[in-house]
PDB file of N, CA and C in Angstrom:
ATOM      1  N   LEU A   1     -16.879  -4.690  18.121  1.00  0.00           N
ATOM      2  CA  LEU A   1     -16.244  -3.444  18.360  1.00  0.00           C
ATOM      3  C   LEU A   1     -16.991  -2.316  19.106  1.00  0.00           C
ATOM      4  N   SER A   2     -16.539  -1.890  20.188  1.00  0.00           N
ATOM      5  CA  SER A   2     -17.232  -0.880  20.989  1.00  0.00           C
ATOM      6  C   SER A   2     -16.995   0.605  20.476  1.00  0.00           C
ATOM      7  N   SER A   3     -18.162   1.259  20.595  1.00  0.00           N
ATOM      8  CA  SER A   3     -17.976   2.642  20.135  1.00  0.00           C
ATOM      9  C   SER A   3     -17.721   3.487  21.231  1.00  0.00           C
ATOM     10  N   GLU A   4     -17.393   2.975  22.590  1.00  0.00           N
ATOM     11  CA  GLU A   4     -17.310   3.606  23.752  1.00  0.00           C
ATOM     12  C   GLU A   4     -15.918   4.067  24.015  1.00  0.00           C
ATOM     13  N   HIS A   5     -14.960   3.565  23.058  1.00  0.00           N
ATOM     14  CA  HIS A   5     -13.585   3.878  23.270  1.00  0.00           C
ATOM     15  C   HIS A   5     -12.999   4.036  21.759  1.00  0.00           C
ATOM     16  N   GLU A   6     -11.842   4.840  21.767  1.00  0.00           N
ATOM     17  CA  GLU A   6     -11.140   4.884  20.637  1.00  0.00           C
ATOM     18  C   GLU A   6     -10.269   3.783  20.284  1.00  0.00           C
ATOM     19  N   LEU A   7      -9.803   3.496  18.849  1.00  0.00           N
ATOM     20  CA  LEU A   7      -8.895   2.385  18.647  1.00  0.00           C
ATOM     21  C   LEU A   7      -7.696   3.187  18.137  1.00  0.00           C
ATOM     22  N   CYS A   8      -6.578   2.986  18.757  1.00  0.00           N
ATOM     23  CA  CYS A   8      -5.332   3.702  18.518  1.00  0.00           C
ATOM     24  C   CYS A   8      -4.122   2.542  18.602  1.00  0.00           C
ATOM     25  N   GLY A   9      -3.178   3.017  17.901  1.00  0.00           N
ATOM     26  CA  GLY A   9      -1.993   2.222  17.943  1.00  0.00           C
ATOM     27  C   GLY A   9      -2.204   0.890  17.653  1.00  0.00           C
ATOM     28  N   ILE A  10      -1.656  -0.030  18.491  1.00  0.00           N
ATOM     29  CA  ILE A  10      -1.617  -1.557  18.205  1.00  0.00           C
ATOM     30  C   ILE A  10      -2.957  -2.116  18.299  1.00  0.00           C
ATOM     31  N   GLN A  11      -3.931  -1.379  19.031  1.00  0.00           N
ATOM     32  CA  GLN A  11      -5.338  -1.986  19.039  1.00  0.00           C
ATOM     33  C   GLN A  11      -6.020  -1.572  17.740  1.00  0.00           C
ATOM     34  N   LEU A  12      -5.608  -0.599  17.117  1.00  0.00           N
ATOM     35  CA  LEU A  12      -6.184  -0.236  15.797  1.00  0.00           C
ATOM     36  C   LEU A  12      -5.870  -1.211  14.866  1.00  0.00           C
ATOM     37  N   VAL A  13      -4.550  -1.645  14.876  1.00  0.00           N
ATOM     38  CA  VAL A  13      -3.929  -2.539  13.775  1.00  0.00           C
ATOM     39  C   VAL A  13      -4.600  -3.980  14.058  1.00  0.00           C
ATOM     40  N   GLU A  14      -4.595  -4.471  15.373  1.00  0.00           N
ATOM     41  CA  GLU A  14      -5.231  -5.566  15.581  1.00  0.00           C
ATOM     42  C   GLU A  14      -6.775  -5.613  15.064  1.00  0.00           C
ATOM     43  N   ALA A  15      -7.452  -4.731  15.298  1.00  0.00           N
ATOM     44  CA  ALA A  15      -8.937  -4.556  14.926  1.00  0.00           C
ATOM     45  C   ALA A  15      -9.028  -4.728  13.409  1.00  0.00           C
ATOM     46  N   LEU A  16      -8.053  -3.924  12.724  1.00  0.00           N
ATOM     47  CA  LEU A  16      -8.079  -4.079  11.278  1.00  0.00           C
ATOM     48  C   LEU A  16      -7.750  -5.481  10.734  1.00  0.00           C
ATOM     49  N   LEU A  17      -6.797  -6.097  11.370  1.00  0.00           N
ATOM     50  CA  LEU A  17      -6.314  -7.490  11.050  1.00  0.00           C
ATOM     51  C   LEU A  17      -7.586  -8.357  11.199  1.00  0.00           C
ATOM     52  N   LEU A  18      -8.203  -8.265  12.455  1.00  0.00           N
ATOM     53  CA  LEU A  18      -9.247  -9.132  12.664  1.00  0.00           C
ATOM     54  C   LEU A  18     -10.530  -8.848  11.615  1.00  0.00           C
ATOM     55  N   VAL A  19     -10.599  -7.684  11.236  1.00  0.00           N
ATOM     56  CA  VAL A  19     -11.918  -7.323  10.274  1.00  0.00           C
ATOM     57  C   VAL A  19     -11.465  -7.702   8.939  1.00  0.00           C
ATOM     58  N   CYS A  20     -10.315  -7.314   8.478  1.00  0.00           N
ATOM     59  CA  CYS A  20      -9.895  -7.664   7.012  1.00  0.00           C
ATOM     60  C   CYS A  20      -9.492  -9.138   6.824  1.00  0.00           C
ATOM     61  N   GLY A  21      -8.892  -9.649   7.854  1.00  0.00           N
ATOM     62  CA  GLY A  21      -8.490 -11.113   7.480  1.00  0.00           C
ATOM     63  C   GLY A  21      -7.631 -11.323   6.448  1.00  0.00           C
ATOM     64  N   GLU A  22      -7.733 -12.331   5.509  1.00  0.00           N
ATOM     65  CA  GLU A  22      -6.816 -12.464   4.266  1.00  0.00           C
ATOM     66  C   GLU A  22      -6.944 -11.413   3.364  1.00  0.00           C
ATOM     67  N   LYS A  23      -8.015 -10.626   3.305  1.00  0.00           N
ATOM     68  CA  LYS A  23      -8.076  -9.590   2.221  1.00  0.00           C
ATOM     69  C   LYS A  23      -6.875  -8.711   2.393  1.00  0.00           C
ATOM     70  N   GLY A  24      -6.416  -8.355   3.593  1.00  0.00           N
ATOM     71  CA  GLY A  24      -5.351  -7.629   3.802  1.00  0.00           C
ATOM     72  C   GLY A  24      -5.767  -6.098   3.953  1.00  0.00           C
ATOM     73  N   LEU A  25      -4.890  -5.280   4.306  1.00  0.00           N
ATOM     74  CA  LEU A  25      -5.217  -3.792   4.597  1.00  0.00           C
ATOM     75  C   LEU A  25      -4.853  -2.998   3.382  1.00  0.00           C
ATOM     76  N   PHE A  26      -5.611  -1.830   3.123  1.00  0.00           N
ATOM     77  CA  PHE A  26      -5.543  -0.950   2.205  1.00  0.00           C
ATOM     78  C   PHE A  26      -5.360   0.306   2.881  1.00  0.00           C
ATOM     79  N   TYR A  27      -4.107   0.983   2.877  1.00  0.00           N
ATOM     80  CA  TYR A  27      -3.983   2.185   3.659  1.00  0.00           C
ATOM     81  C   TYR A  27      -4.236   3.457   2.978  1.00  0.00           C
ATOM     82  N   TYR A  28      -5.081   4.323   3.408  1.00  0.00           N
ATOM     83  CA  TYR A  28      -5.140   5.667   2.978  1.00  0.00           C
ATOM     84  C   TYR A  28      -5.390   6.551   4.129  1.00  0.00           C
ATOM     85  N   GLY A  29      -5.025   7.716   4.007  1.00  0.00           N
ATOM     86  CA  GLY A  29      -5.092   8.680   5.195  1.00  0.00           C
ATOM     87  C   GLY A  29      -6.508   8.826   5.825  1.00  0.00           C
ATOM     88  N   GLY A  30      -6.505   9.351   7.029  1.00  0.00           N
ATOM     89  CA  GLY A  30      -7.673   9.412   7.728  1.00  0.00           C
ATOM     90  C   GLY A  30      -8.109   8.392   8.834  1.00  0.00           C
ATOM     91  N   ILE A  31      -7.424   7.195   8.700  1.00  0.00           N
ATOM     92  CA  ILE A  31      -7.788   6.210   9.628  1.00  0.00           C
ATOM     93  C   ILE A  31      -7.623   6.609  11.041  1.00  0.00           C
ATOM     94  N   VAL A  32      -6.353   7.338  11.323  1.00  0.00           N
ATOM     95  CA  VAL A  32      -6.255   7.697  12.824  1.00  0.00           C
ATOM     96  C   VAL A  32      -7.055   8.758  13.215  1.00  0.00           C
ATOM     97  N   GLU A  33      -7.461   9.665  12.444  1.00  0.00           N
ATOM     98  CA  GLU A  33      -8.256  10.708  12.767  1.00  0.00           C
ATOM     99  C   GLU A  33      -9.744  10.274  12.984  1.00  0.00           C
ATOM    100  N   GLN A  34     -10.191   9.276  12.141  1.00  0.00           N
ATOM    101  CA  GLN A  34     -11.534   8.589  12.403  1.00  0.00           C
ATOM    102  C   GLN A  34     -11.503   7.594  13.536  1.00  0.00           C
ATOM    103  N   CYS A  35     -10.430   6.812  13.686  1.00  0.00           N
ATOM    104  CA  CYS A  35     -10.708   5.654  14.577  1.00  0.00           C
ATOM    105  C   CYS A  35      -9.990   6.078  15.944  1.00  0.00           C
ATOM    106  N   CYS A  36      -8.983   6.739  16.001  1.00  0.00           N
ATOM    107  CA  CYS A  36      -8.241   7.043  17.272  1.00  0.00           C
ATOM    108  C   CYS A  36      -8.766   8.246  17.924  1.00  0.00           C
ATOM    109  N   HIS A  37      -9.086   9.299  17.162  1.00  0.00           N
ATOM    110  CA  HIS A  37      -9.569  10.586  17.718  1.00  0.00           C
ATOM    111  C   HIS A  37     -11.088  10.339  17.940  1.00  0.00           C
ATOM    112  N   PHE A  38     -11.836   9.776  17.233  1.00  0.00           N
ATOM    113  CA  PHE A  38     -13.265   9.621  17.298  1.00  0.00           C
ATOM    114  C   PHE A  38     -13.453   8.206  17.673  1.00  0.00           C
ATOM    115  N   TYR A  39     -14.245   7.563  16.791  1.00  0.00           N
ATOM    116  CA  TYR A  39     -14.362   5.941  16.918  1.00  0.00           C
ATOM    117  C   TYR A  39     -14.809   5.346  15.558  1.00  0.00           C
ATOM    118  N   CYS A  40     -14.529   4.179  15.506  1.00  0.00           N
ATOM    119  CA  CYS A  40     -14.710   3.365  14.163  1.00  0.00           C
ATOM    120  C   CYS A  40     -15.852   2.161  14.688  1.00  0.00           C
ATOM    121  N   ASP A  41     -16.705   1.796  13.782  1.00  0.00           N
ATOM    122  CA  ASP A  41     -17.413   0.564  14.032  1.00  0.00           C
ATOM    123  C   ASP A  41     -16.919  -0.446  13.026  1.00  0.00           C
ATOM    124  N   TYR A  42     -17.550  -1.573  12.942  1.00  0.00           N
ATOM    125  CA  TYR A  42     -16.943  -2.814  11.996  1.00  0.00           C
ATOM    126  C   TYR A  42     -17.030  -2.279  10.748  1.00  0.00           C
ATOM    127  N   TYR A  43     -17.984  -1.416  10.302  1.00  0.00           N
ATOM    128  CA  TYR A  43     -18.276  -1.173   8.851  1.00  0.00           C
ATOM    129  C   TYR A  43     -17.116  -0.129   8.312  1.00  0.00           C
ATOM    130  N   ASP A  44     -16.881   0.861   9.371  1.00  0.00           N
ATOM    131  CA  ASP A  44     -15.863   1.909   9.165  1.00  0.00           C
ATOM    132  C   ASP A  44     -14.491   1.175   8.738  1.00  0.00           C
ATOM    133  N   LEU A  45     -14.152   0.256   9.700  1.00  0.00           N
ATOM    134  CA  LEU A  45     -12.824  -0.618   9.499  1.00  0.00           C
ATOM    135  C   LEU A  45     -12.939  -1.292   8.120  1.00  0.00           C
ATOM    136  N   GLU A  46     -14.003  -1.833   7.696  1.00  0.00           N
ATOM    137  CA  GLU A  46     -14.109  -2.576   6.455  1.00  0.00           C
ATOM    138  C   GLU A  46     -13.645  -1.620   5.219  1.00  0.00           C
ATOM    139  N   ASN A  47     -13.834  -0.336   5.411  1.00  0.00           N
ATOM    140  CA  ASN A  47     -13.384   0.476   4.333  1.00  0.00           C
ATOM    141  C   ASN A  47     -11.793   0.600   4.198  1.00  0.00           C
ATOM    142  N   TYR A  48     -11.096  -0.053   5.111  1.00  0.00           N
ATOM    143  CA  TYR A  48      -9.730   0.025   5.108  1.00  0.00           C
ATOM    144  C   TYR A  48      -9.214  -1.345   4.621  1.00  0.00           C
ATOM    145  N   CYS A  49      -9.999  -2.204   4.232  1.00  0.00           N
ATOM    146  CA  CYS A  49      -9.548  -3.441   3.556  1.00  0.00           C
ATOM    147  C   CYS A  49      -9.437  -3.591   2.285  1.00  0.00           C
ATOM    148  N   ASN A  50      -8.492  -4.401   1.782  1.00  0.00           N
ATOM    149  CA  ASN A  50      -8.418  -4.761   0.319  1.00  0.00           C
ATOM    150  C   ASN A  50      -9.751  -5.036  -0.114  1.00  0.00           C
ATOM    151  N   THR A  51      -9.984  -5.022  -1.347  1.00  0.00           N
ATOM    152  CA  THR A  51     -11.293  -5.532  -1.989  1.00  0.00           C
ATOM    153  C   THR A  51     -10.913  -6.826  -2.769  1.00  0.00           C
TER     154      THR A  51
END
């Protein structure tokens, strides 16, 4: 994942599905602010996966 652009909308969802895989997603607020308005790396996205 590149830090040169933001992840928003469907790109953000697809990145989460790629990173989380079968674990699935755990939603809590802040992901749009972090990933769309700024940027997320792989490890930031992992924080939004189920454990």
